[in-house]
């Protein structure tokens, strides 16, 4: 079993973890329903070409 020759320093460990942060989802405005939705996701109003929710 492989064993590291030296201890990984705090700086090295933290530099590796810089990309672990939480990112906010991409949100766009849906013109057909007038609500906001996640990008590249189908809205519930247009699922399978059905329109159960009507815009007032």
C-alpha atoms as a PDB file:
ATOM      1  CA  UNK A   1       0.000   0.000   0.000  1.00  0.00           C
ATOM      2  CA  UNK A   2       1.353   3.413  -0.951  1.00  0.00           C
ATOM      3  CA  UNK A   3       2.186   5.833   1.855  1.00  0.00           C
ATOM      4  CA  UNK A   4       2.926   9.552   1.344  1.00  0.00           C
ATOM      5  CA  UNK A   5       6.569  10.420   1.984  1.00  0.00           C
ATOM      6  CA  UNK A   6       5.697  13.764   3.600  1.00  0.00           C
ATOM      7  CA  UNK A   7       2.708  15.308   5.326  1.00  0.00           C
ATOM      8  CA  UNK A   8       0.489  17.442   3.079  1.00  0.00           C
ATOM      9  CA  UNK A   9       0.691  21.023   4.338  1.00  0.00           C
ATOM     10  CA  UNK A  10      -2.387  23.126   5.151  1.00  0.00           C
ATOM     11  CA  UNK A  11      -1.621  25.501   2.269  1.00  0.00           C
ATOM     12  CA  UNK A  12      -1.328  22.665  -0.240  1.00  0.00           C
ATOM     13  CA  UNK A  13      -4.528  21.077   1.023  1.00  0.00           C
ATOM     14  CA  UNK A  14      -6.456  24.369   0.889  1.00  0.00           C
ATOM     15  CA  UNK A  15      -5.205  25.195  -2.623  1.00  0.00           C
ATOM     16  CA  UNK A  16      -6.516  21.844  -3.810  1.00  0.00           C
ATOM     17  CA  UNK A  17      -9.910  22.558  -2.241  1.00  0.00           C
ATOM     18  CA  UNK A  18     -10.478  25.949  -3.915  1.00  0.00           C
ATOM     19  CA  UNK A  19     -12.879  24.432  -6.479  1.00  0.00           C
ATOM     20  CA  UNK A  20     -15.073  22.684  -3.883  1.00  0.00           C
ATOM     21  CA  UNK A  21     -17.286  25.722  -3.246  1.00  0.00           C
ATOM     22  CA  UNK A  22     -21.039  25.784  -3.718  1.00  0.00           C
ATOM     23  CA  UNK A  23     -22.193  27.566  -6.871  1.00  0.00           C
ATOM     24  CA  UNK A  24     -25.587  29.140  -7.408  1.00  0.00           C
ATOM     25  CA  UNK A  25     -27.740  27.595 -10.167  1.00  0.00           C
ATOM     26  CA  UNK A  26     -28.202  29.429 -13.474  1.00  0.00           C
ATOM     27  CA  UNK A  27     -31.724  30.876 -13.497  1.00  0.00           C
ATOM     28  CA  UNK A  28     -33.489  32.377 -16.504  1.00  0.00           C
ATOM     29  CA  UNK A  29     -36.891  33.983 -17.092  1.00  0.00           C
ATOM     30  CA  UNK A  30     -39.501  31.843 -18.847  1.00  0.00           C
ATOM     31  CA  UNK A  31     -41.620  34.032 -21.105  1.00  0.00           C
ATOM     32  CA  UNK A  32     -44.470  31.546 -21.604  1.00  0.00           C
ATOM     33  CA  UNK A  33     -45.308  31.097 -17.921  1.00  0.00           C
ATOM     34  CA  UNK A  34     -43.879  34.359 -16.624  1.00  0.00           C
ATOM     35  CA  UNK A  35     -41.785  32.645 -13.965  1.00  0.00           C
ATOM     36  CA  UNK A  36     -38.130  31.920 -13.379  1.00  0.00           C
ATOM     37  CA  UNK A  37     -36.672  28.493 -14.107  1.00  0.00           C
ATOM     38  CA  UNK A  38     -33.301  26.777 -14.199  1.00  0.00           C
ATOM     39  CA  UNK A  39     -31.482  27.006 -17.524  1.00  0.00           C
ATOM     40  CA  UNK A  40     -31.673  23.910 -19.748  1.00  0.00           C
ATOM     41  CA  UNK A  41     -34.499  22.455 -17.645  1.00  0.00           C
ATOM     42  CA  UNK A  42     -38.042  21.997 -18.896  1.00  0.00           C
ATOM     43  CA  UNK A  43     -40.725  24.005 -17.108  1.00  0.00           C
ATOM     44  CA  UNK A  44     -43.672  22.131 -15.631  1.00  0.00           C
ATOM     45  CA  UNK A  45     -46.088  24.061 -17.832  1.00  0.00           C
ATOM     46  CA  UNK A  46     -44.530  22.770 -21.050  1.00  0.00           C
ATOM     47  CA  UNK A  47     -43.813  19.158 -20.112  1.00  0.00           C
ATOM     48  CA  UNK A  48     -44.759  16.863 -23.012  1.00  0.00           C
ATOM     49  CA  UNK A  49     -46.392  19.804 -24.863  1.00  0.00           C
ATOM     50  CA  UNK A  50     -49.171  20.038 -22.266  1.00  0.00           C
ATOM     51  CA  UNK A  51     -50.131  23.384 -20.773  1.00  0.00           C
ATOM     52  CA  UNK A  52     -51.771  22.682 -17.392  1.00  0.00           C
ATOM     53  CA  UNK A  53     -50.810  26.099 -15.985  1.00  0.00           C
ATOM     54  CA  UNK A  54     -52.344  29.090 -17.730  1.00  0.00           C
ATOM     55  CA  UNK A  55     -50.879  32.576 -17.574  1.00  0.00           C
ATOM     56  CA  UNK A  56     -53.238  35.292 -16.336  1.00  0.00           C
END
